[in-house]
Amino acid sequence: MKYKPYTDPDWLHTEYVRKKRNCADIAEECGTTEMTIYNWCKEFGLLKLRGKGRNLGPQKIIKRG
């Protein structure tokens, strides 16, 4: 059976919270999907430590009259 580092809460905490890596980057390194990493982060309660939203870059605020 292949070792899956993302199933280790300490490893995933280091990568996702401390190093601030995104799920896609971690998934690519581990050879799995972004959703798998997201689900493990959710399982370990890491999403609330870093926030659930995606960083979509600067957003324009449109004022509507």
PDB file of N, CA and C in Angstrom:
ATOM      1  N   MET A   1       0.839  -1.187   0.000  1.00  0.00           N
ATOM      2  CA  MET A   1       0.000   0.000   0.000  1.00  0.00           C
ATOM      3  C   MET A   1       0.881   1.247   0.000  1.00  0.00           C
ATOM      4  N   LYS A   2       0.557   2.183  -0.860  1.00  0.00           N
ATOM      5  CA  LYS A   2       1.337   3.412  -0.991  1.00  0.00           C
ATOM      6  C   LYS A   2       1.058   4.363   0.182  1.00  0.00           C
ATOM      7  N   TYR A   3       2.113   4.974   0.699  1.00  0.00           N
ATOM      8  CA  TYR A   3       1.976   5.937   1.786  1.00  0.00           C
ATOM      9  C   TYR A   3       1.307   7.205   1.273  1.00  0.00           C
ATOM     10  N   LYS A   4       0.307   7.671   1.992  1.00  0.00           N
ATOM     11  CA  LYS A   4      -0.433   8.876   1.632  1.00  0.00           C
ATOM     12  C   LYS A   4      -0.207   9.925   2.721  1.00  0.00           C
ATOM     13  N   PRO A   5       0.751  10.820   2.520  1.00  0.00           N
ATOM     14  CA  PRO A   5       1.104  11.767   3.585  1.00  0.00           C
ATOM     15  C   PRO A   5      -0.051  12.688   3.983  1.00  0.00           C
ATOM     16  N   TYR A   6      -0.965  12.953   3.063  1.00  0.00           N
ATOM     17  CA  TYR A   6      -2.081  13.846   3.365  1.00  0.00           C
ATOM     18  C   TYR A   6      -3.075  13.258   4.370  1.00  0.00           C
ATOM     19  N   THR A   7      -2.939  11.965   4.684  1.00  0.00           N
ATOM     20  CA  THR A   7      -3.799  11.366   5.709  1.00  0.00           C
ATOM     21  C   THR A   7      -3.226  11.557   7.111  1.00  0.00           C
ATOM     22  N   ASP A   8      -2.063  12.160   7.204  1.00  0.00           N
ATOM     23  CA  ASP A   8      -1.420  12.457   8.491  1.00  0.00           C
ATOM     24  C   ASP A   8      -1.762  13.895   8.871  1.00  0.00           C
ATOM     25  N   PRO A   9      -2.504  14.100   9.954  1.00  0.00           N
ATOM     26  CA  PRO A   9      -2.928  15.462  10.314  1.00  0.00           C
ATOM     27  C   PRO A   9      -1.774  16.436  10.547  1.00  0.00           C
ATOM     28  N   ASP A  10      -0.675  15.963  11.118  1.00  0.00           N
ATOM     29  CA  ASP A  10       0.465  16.850  11.372  1.00  0.00           C
ATOM     30  C   ASP A  10       1.112  17.306  10.065  1.00  0.00           C
ATOM     31  N   TRP A  11       1.283  16.365   9.142  1.00  0.00           N
ATOM     32  CA  TRP A  11       1.879  16.704   7.849  1.00  0.00           C
ATOM     33  C   TRP A  11       0.998  17.686   7.091  1.00  0.00           C
ATOM     34  N   LEU A  12      -0.296  17.415   7.048  1.00  0.00           N
ATOM     35  CA  LEU A  12      -1.209  18.277   6.312  1.00  0.00           C
ATOM     36  C   LEU A  12      -1.321  19.653   6.960  1.00  0.00           C
ATOM     37  N   HIS A  13      -1.279  19.707   8.280  1.00  0.00           N
ATOM     38  CA  HIS A  13      -1.305  20.993   8.983  1.00  0.00           C
ATOM     39  C   HIS A  13      -0.083  21.829   8.603  1.00  0.00           C
ATOM     40  N   THR A  14       1.073  21.195   8.571  1.00  0.00           N
ATOM     41  CA  THR A  14       2.298  21.900   8.203  1.00  0.00           C
ATOM     42  C   THR A  14       2.210  22.462   6.790  1.00  0.00           C
ATOM     43  N   GLU A  15       1.768  21.629   5.859  1.00  0.00           N
ATOM     44  CA  GLU A  15       1.712  22.045   4.461  1.00  0.00           C
ATOM     45  C   GLU A  15       0.621  23.083   4.202  1.00  0.00           C
ATOM     46  N   TYR A  16      -0.575  22.846   4.696  1.00  0.00           N
ATOM     47  CA  TYR A  16      -1.727  23.681   4.369  1.00  0.00           C
ATOM     48  C   TYR A  16      -1.805  24.959   5.212  1.00  0.00           C
ATOM     49  N   VAL A  17      -1.535  24.836   6.504  1.00  0.00           N
ATOM     50  CA  VAL A  17      -1.686  25.998   7.399  1.00  0.00           C
ATOM     51  C   VAL A  17      -0.373  26.763   7.545  1.00  0.00           C
ATOM     52  N   ARG A  18       0.688  26.081   7.940  1.00  0.00           N
ATOM     53  CA  ARG A  18       1.952  26.785   8.193  1.00  0.00           C
ATOM     54  C   ARG A  18       2.631  27.281   6.922  1.00  0.00           C
ATOM     55  N   LYS A  19       2.706  26.416   5.904  1.00  0.00           N
ATOM     56  CA  LYS A  19       3.361  26.807   4.652  1.00  0.00           C
ATOM     57  C   LYS A  19       2.404  27.527   3.697  1.00  0.00           C
ATOM     58  N   LYS A  20       1.114  27.527   4.039  1.00  0.00           N
ATOM     59  CA  LYS A  20       0.069  28.202   3.259  1.00  0.00           C
ATOM     60  C   LYS A  20       0.017  27.732   1.810  1.00  0.00           C
ATOM     61  N   ARG A  21       0.205  26.430   1.621  1.00  0.00           N
ATOM     62  CA  ARG A  21       0.079  25.848   0.285  1.00  0.00           C
ATOM     63  C   ARG A  21      -1.391  25.600  -0.009  1.00  0.00           C
ATOM     64  N   ASN A  22      -1.771  25.697  -1.266  1.00  0.00           N
ATOM     65  CA  ASN A  22      -3.171  25.442  -1.596  1.00  0.00           C
ATOM     66  C   ASN A  22      -3.389  23.954  -1.872  1.00  0.00           C
ATOM     67  N   CYS A  23      -4.661  23.563  -1.906  1.00  0.00           N
ATOM     68  CA  CYS A  23      -5.012  22.151  -2.081  1.00  0.00           C
ATOM     69  C   CYS A  23      -4.514  21.608  -3.413  1.00  0.00           C
ATOM     70  N   ALA A  24      -4.588  22.418  -4.456  1.00  0.00           N
ATOM     71  CA  ALA A  24      -4.156  21.964  -5.782  1.00  0.00           C
ATOM     72  C   ALA A  24      -2.663  21.645  -5.791  1.00  0.00           C
ATOM     73  N   ASP A  25      -1.863  22.477  -5.153  1.00  0.00           N
ATOM     74  CA  ASP A  25      -0.420  22.272  -5.103  1.00  0.00           C
ATOM     75  C   ASP A  25      -0.073  21.005  -4.323  1.00  0.00           C
ATOM     76  N   ILE A  26      -0.721  20.825  -3.186  1.00  0.00           N
ATOM     77  CA  ILE A  26      -0.485  19.634  -2.365  1.00  0.00           C
ATOM     78  C   ILE A  26      -0.932  18.387  -3.121  1.00  0.00           C
ATOM     79  N   ALA A  27      -2.074  18.477  -3.789  1.00  0.00           N
ATOM     80  CA  ALA A  27      -2.607  17.330  -4.541  1.00  0.00           C
ATOM     81  C   ALA A  27      -1.660  16.916  -5.655  1.00  0.00           C
ATOM     82  N   GLU A  28      -1.106  17.885  -6.349  1.00  0.00           N
ATOM     83  CA  GLU A  28      -0.169  17.583  -7.436  1.00  0.00           C
ATOM     84  C   GLU A  28       1.057  16.842  -6.902  1.00  0.00           C
ATOM     85  N   GLU A  29       1.574  17.301  -5.773  1.00  0.00           N
ATOM     86  CA  GLU A  29       2.737  16.648  -5.166  1.00  0.00           C
ATOM     87  C   GLU A  29       2.420  15.215  -4.744  1.00  0.00           C
ATOM     88  N   CYS A  30       1.205  14.999  -4.247  1.00  0.00           N
ATOM     89  CA  CYS A  30       0.825  13.687  -3.723  1.00  0.00           C
ATOM     90  C   CYS A  30       0.226  12.760  -4.773  1.00  0.00           C
ATOM     91  N   GLY A  31      -0.012  13.275  -5.968  1.00  0.00           N
ATOM     92  CA  GLY A  31      -0.589  12.446  -7.019  1.00  0.00           C
ATOM     93  C   GLY A  31      -2.043  12.109  -6.792  1.00  0.00           C
ATOM     94  N   THR A  32      -2.788  13.059  -6.274  1.00  0.00           N
ATOM     95  CA  THR A  32      -4.217  12.863  -6.018  1.00  0.00           C
ATOM     96  C   THR A  32      -4.979  14.088  -6.491  1.00  0.00           C
ATOM     97  N   THR A  33      -6.254  14.164  -6.170  1.00  0.00           N
ATOM     98  CA  THR A  33      -7.066  15.300  -6.618  1.00  0.00           C
ATOM     99  C   THR A  33      -7.122  16.391  -5.561  1.00  0.00           C
ATOM    100  N   GLU A  34      -7.451  17.575  -6.026  1.00  0.00           N
ATOM    101  CA  GLU A  34      -7.613  18.720  -5.127  1.00  0.00           C
ATOM    102  C   GLU A  34      -8.741  18.459  -4.129  1.00  0.00           C
ATOM    103  N   MET A  35      -9.807  17.812  -4.597  1.00  0.00           N
ATOM    104  CA  MET A  35     -10.950  17.532  -3.725  1.00  0.00           C
ATOM    105  C   MET A  35     -10.573  16.573  -2.603  1.00  0.00           C
ATOM    106  N   THR A  36      -9.688  15.633  -2.878  1.00  0.00           N
ATOM    107  CA  THR A  36      -9.225  14.707  -1.837  1.00  0.00           C
ATOM    108  C   THR A  36      -8.514  15.474  -0.731  1.00  0.00           C
ATOM    109  N   ILE A  37      -7.634  16.370  -1.121  1.00  0.00           N
ATOM    110  CA  ILE A  37      -6.908  17.173  -0.126  1.00  0.00           C
ATOM    111  C   ILE A  37      -7.877  18.063   0.642  1.00  0.00           C
ATOM    112  N   TYR A  38      -8.807  18.683  -0.079  1.00  0.00           N
ATOM    113  CA  TYR A  38      -9.816  19.533   0.566  1.00  0.00           C
ATOM    114  C   TYR A  38     -10.598  18.732   1.612  1.00  0.00           C
ATOM    115  N   ASN A  39     -11.016  17.526   1.246  1.00  0.00           N
ATOM    116  CA  ASN A  39     -11.795  16.700   2.176  1.00  0.00           C
ATOM    117  C   ASN A  39     -10.999  16.314   3.412  1.00  0.00           C
ATOM    118  N   TRP A  40      -9.702  16.019   3.246  1.00  0.00           N
ATOM    119  CA  TRP A  40      -8.874  15.700   4.405  1.00  0.00           C
ATOM    120  C   TRP A  40      -8.667  16.940   5.277  1.00  0.00           C
ATOM    121  N   CYS A  41      -8.490  18.096   4.653  1.00  0.00           N
ATOM    122  CA  CYS A  41      -8.368  19.342   5.424  1.00  0.00           C
ATOM    123  C   CYS A  41      -9.641  19.593   6.230  1.00  0.00           C
ATOM    124  N   LYS A  42     -10.762  19.329   5.602  1.00  0.00           N
ATOM    125  CA  LYS A  42     -12.049  19.484   6.282  1.00  0.00           C
ATOM    126  C   LYS A  42     -12.166  18.487   7.432  1.00  0.00           C
ATOM    127  N   GLU A  43     -11.782  17.244   7.186  1.00  0.00           N
ATOM    128  CA  GLU A  43     -11.829  16.185   8.198  1.00  0.00           C
ATOM    129  C   GLU A  43     -10.994  16.549   9.433  1.00  0.00           C
ATOM    130  N   PHE A  44      -9.834  17.141   9.215  1.00  0.00           N
ATOM    131  CA  PHE A  44      -8.936  17.494  10.318  1.00  0.00           C
ATOM    132  C   PHE A  44      -9.211  18.877  10.905  1.00  0.00           C
ATOM    133  N   GLY A  45     -10.209  19.599  10.384  1.00  0.00           N
ATOM    134  CA  GLY A  45     -10.553  20.918  10.912  1.00  0.00           C
ATOM    135  C   GLY A  45      -9.568  22.006  10.526  1.00  0.00           C
ATOM    136  N   LEU A  46      -8.862  21.831   9.430  1.00  0.00           N
ATOM    137  CA  LEU A  46      -7.853  22.805   9.022  1.00  0.00           C
ATOM    138  C   LEU A  46      -8.446  23.981   8.258  1.00  0.00           C
ATOM    139  N   LEU A  47      -9.608  23.795   7.673  1.00  0.00           N
ATOM    140  CA  LEU A  47     -10.209  24.870   6.876  1.00  0.00           C
ATOM    141  C   LEU A  47     -10.517  26.086   7.731  1.00  0.00           C
ATOM    142  N   LYS A  48     -10.980  25.860   8.950  1.00  0.00           N
ATOM    143  CA  LYS A  48     -11.315  26.993   9.816  1.00  0.00           C
ATOM    144  C   LYS A  48     -10.070  27.722  10.318  1.00  0.00           C
ATOM    145  N   LEU A  49      -8.916  27.072  10.245  1.00  0.00           N
ATOM    146  CA  LEU A  49      -7.673  27.726  10.660  1.00  0.00           C
ATOM    147  C   LEU A  49      -7.156  28.681   9.593  1.00  0.00           C
ATOM    148  N   ARG A  50      -7.540  28.421   8.342  1.00  0.00           N
ATOM    149  CA  ARG A  50      -7.039  29.227   7.243  1.00  0.00           C
ATOM    150  C   ARG A  50      -8.139  29.892   6.437  1.00  0.00           C
ATOM    151  N   GLY A  51      -9.359  29.485   6.645  1.00  0.00           N
ATOM    152  CA  GLY A  51     -10.474  30.041   5.890  1.00  0.00           C
ATOM    153  C   GLY A  51     -10.873  29.131   4.753  1.00  0.00           C
ATOM    154  N   LYS A  52     -12.148  29.168   4.394  1.00  0.00           N
ATOM    155  CA  LYS A  52     -12.670  28.270   3.374  1.00  0.00           C
ATOM    156  C   LYS A  52     -12.574  28.852   1.980  1.00  0.00           C
ATOM    157  N   GLY A  53     -12.521  30.163   1.876  1.00  0.00           N
ATOM    158  CA  GLY A  53     -12.581  30.787   0.563  1.00  0.00           C
ATOM    159  C   GLY A  53     -11.322  30.601  -0.253  1.00  0.00           C
ATOM    160  N   ARG A  54     -11.494  30.668  -1.542  1.00  0.00           N
ATOM    161  CA  ARG A  54     -10.352  30.600  -2.444  1.00  0.00           C
ATOM    162  C   ARG A  54      -9.830  32.015  -2.658  1.00  0.00           C
ATOM    163  N   ASN A  55      -8.549  32.117  -2.875  1.00  0.00           N
ATOM    164  CA  ASN A  55      -7.957  33.413  -3.162  1.00  0.00           C
ATOM    165  C   ASN A  55      -8.084  33.667  -4.660  1.00  0.00           C
ATOM    166  N   LEU A  56      -9.017  34.511  -5.030  1.00  0.00           N
ATOM    167  CA  LEU A  56      -9.265  34.786  -6.435  1.00  0.00           C
ATOM    168  C   LEU A  56      -8.586  36.060  -6.896  1.00  0.00           C
ATOM    169  N   GLY A  57      -7.759  36.634  -6.059  1.00  0.00           N
ATOM    170  CA  GLY A  57      -7.061  37.853  -6.426  1.00  0.00           C
ATOM    171  C   GLY A  57      -7.894  39.083  -6.092  1.00  0.00           C
ATOM    172  N   PRO A  58      -7.394  40.258  -6.473  1.00  0.00           N
ATOM    173  CA  PRO A  58      -8.105  41.491  -6.165  1.00  0.00           C
ATOM    174  C   PRO A  58      -9.478  41.513  -6.834  1.00  0.00           C
ATOM    175  N   GLN A  59     -10.439  41.956  -6.092  1.00  0.00           N
ATOM    176  CA  GLN A  59     -11.804  42.026  -6.600  1.00  0.00           C
ATOM    177  C   GLN A  59     -12.186  43.498  -6.794  1.00  0.00           C
ATOM    178  N   LYS A  60     -12.870  43.769  -7.876  1.00  0.00           N
ATOM    179  CA  LYS A  60     -13.363  45.111  -8.115  1.00  0.00           C
ATOM    180  C   LYS A  60     -14.718  45.268  -7.448  1.00  0.00           C
ATOM    181  N   ILE A  61     -14.910  46.365  -6.793  1.00  0.00           N
ATOM    182  CA  ILE A  61     -16.192  46.653  -6.173  1.00  0.00           C
ATOM    183  C   ILE A  61     -16.984  47.514  -7.145  1.00  0.00           C
ATOM    184  N   ILE A  62     -18.130  47.023  -7.526  1.00  0.00           N
ATOM    185  CA  ILE A  62     -18.979  47.744  -8.487  1.00  0.00           C
ATOM    186  C   ILE A  62     -20.099  48.406  -7.715  1.00  0.00           C
ATOM    187  N   LYS A  63     -20.138  49.734  -7.779  1.00  0.00           N
ATOM    188  CA  LYS A  63     -21.216  50.466  -7.115  1.00  0.00           C
ATOM    189  C   LYS A  63     -22.384  50.573  -8.066  1.00  0.00           C
ATOM    190  N   ARG A  64     -23.508  50.176  -7.575  1.00  0.00           N
ATOM    191  CA  ARG A  64     -24.719  50.264  -8.381  1.00  0.00           C
ATOM    192  C   ARG A  64     -25.622  51.323  -7.776  1.00  0.00           C
ATOM    193  N   GLY A  65     -26.054  52.204  -8.648  1.00  0.00           N
ATOM    194  CA  GLY A  65     -26.816  53.348  -8.199  1.00  0.00           C
ATOM    195  C   GLY A  65     -28.222  53.057  -8.004  1.00  0.00           C
TER     196      GLY A  65
END
